[in-house]
Amino acid sequence: MMNAAIPQEFSYLFWDVDFDKLDGERFGEFIVERLLEKGNWDEVRWMWRAFPHGLIKEIVDTSRNISGGTRGLWKMVLERKYSTPQIKFA
């Protein structure tokens, strides 16, 4: 599911869990939700490279753990990403 270990500098985003035990295979959905909701552009770019795009899109479409504003923003970004090839995340 995930292509890389979570960078240590992202630990501030996961203040409420044991960062050292976060595993992208087991907790990928949680990690993506948190990065979409609270991550900066560099963190989101890392997420885009590390997780399957289908998973990210599914989380945007179905997760109850991201706000309506976050969902709306990412739906627009993802619609544009898939319909306009010149937009690049990485």
Protein backbone atom coordinates (compact mmCIF):
# COMPACT_ATOMS: atom_id res chain seq x y z
CA MET A 1 0.00 0.00 0.00
CA MET A 2 2.68 2.51 0.98
CA ASN A 3 5.97 3.14 -0.79
CA ALA A 4 8.08 4.79 1.95
CA ALA A 5 8.50 5.23 5.69
CA ILE A 6 6.82 8.29 7.17
CA PRO A 7 9.43 11.03 7.56
CA GLN A 8 10.29 11.80 11.19
CA GLU A 9 9.62 15.51 10.61
CA PHE A 10 5.91 14.67 10.18
CA SER A 11 5.69 13.50 13.79
CA TYR A 12 4.13 16.81 14.93
CA LEU A 13 1.04 15.92 12.86
CA PHE A 14 0.57 12.72 14.84
CA TRP A 15 0.78 14.16 18.36
CA ASP A 16 -2.02 11.92 19.61
CA VAL A 17 -0.52 8.54 18.66
CA ASP A 18 2.79 6.75 19.11
CA PHE A 19 4.53 7.95 15.93
CA ASP A 20 7.15 5.20 16.08
CA LYS A 21 4.40 2.57 15.80
CA LEU A 22 2.67 4.18 12.79
CA ASP A 23 2.81 1.74 9.95
CA GLY A 24 1.60 2.81 6.51
CA GLU A 25 0.42 -0.69 5.71
CA ARG A 26 -1.81 -0.93 8.78
CA PHE A 27 -2.70 2.73 9.27
CA GLY A 28 -2.57 4.11 5.73
CA GLU A 29 -6.09 5.50 5.80
CA PHE A 30 -5.44 7.32 9.09
CA ILE A 31 -2.16 8.74 7.80
CA VAL A 32 -3.72 9.99 4.55
CA GLU A 33 -6.66 11.54 6.41
CA ARG A 34 -4.33 13.38 8.76
CA LEU A 35 -2.09 14.64 5.96
CA LEU A 36 -5.05 15.82 3.88
CA GLU A 37 -6.55 17.60 6.86
CA LYS A 38 -3.47 19.08 8.52
CA GLY A 39 -0.46 18.64 6.24
CA ASN A 40 1.35 21.39 4.36
CA TRP A 41 2.08 21.23 0.64
CA ASP A 42 5.39 19.35 1.05
CA GLU A 43 3.74 16.76 3.29
CA VAL A 44 0.88 16.30 0.83
CA ARG A 45 3.36 15.91 -2.03
CA TRP A 46 5.11 13.16 -0.07
CA MET A 47 1.74 11.47 0.55
CA TRP A 48 0.94 11.64 -3.18
CA ARG A 49 4.17 9.78 -3.96
CA ALA A 50 3.88 7.29 -1.09
CA PHE A 51 0.25 6.12 -1.32
CA PRO A 52 -1.81 4.76 -4.21
CA HIS A 53 -3.80 7.55 -5.85
CA GLY A 54 -6.92 5.40 -5.84
CA LEU A 55 -6.72 5.11 -2.06
CA ILE A 56 -6.35 8.88 -1.66
CA LYS A 57 -9.34 9.50 -3.94
CA GLU A 58 -11.42 6.90 -2.07
CA ILE A 59 -10.58 8.53 1.27
CA VAL A 60 -11.55 11.96 -0.07
CA ASP A 61 -14.85 10.53 -1.32
CA THR A 62 -15.80 8.44 1.71
CA SER A 63 -13.92 9.32 4.91
CA ARG A 64 -15.87 10.64 7.88
CA ASN A 65 -12.64 11.89 9.43
CA ILE A 66 -11.97 14.85 7.14
CA SER A 67 -13.89 18.10 7.26
CA GLY A 68 -16.30 19.26 4.58
CA GLY A 69 -13.92 22.04 3.59
CA THR A 70 -11.02 19.63 3.21
CA ARG A 71 -13.20 17.22 1.23
CA GLY A 72 -14.39 19.97 -1.10
CA LEU A 73 -10.89 21.28 -1.72
CA TRP A 74 -9.45 17.85 -2.49
CA LYS A 75 -12.38 16.86 -4.68
CA MET A 76 -11.68 19.94 -6.81
CA VAL A 77 -7.94 19.28 -6.87
CA LEU A 78 -8.37 15.61 -7.75
CA GLU A 79 -10.96 16.30 -10.45
CA ARG A 80 -8.56 18.77 -12.00
CA LYS A 81 -5.62 16.39 -11.61
CA TYR A 82 -7.40 13.63 -13.49
CA SER A 83 -8.83 15.88 -16.19
CA THR A 84 -5.87 18.23 -16.77
CA PRO A 85 -2.54 16.46 -17.33
CA GLN A 86 -0.32 19.52 -16.74
CA ILE A 87 -1.08 19.64 -12.99
CA LYS A 88 1.64 17.75 -11.10
CA PHE A 89 1.90 16.93 -7.42
CA ALA A 90 5.39 15.51 -7.36
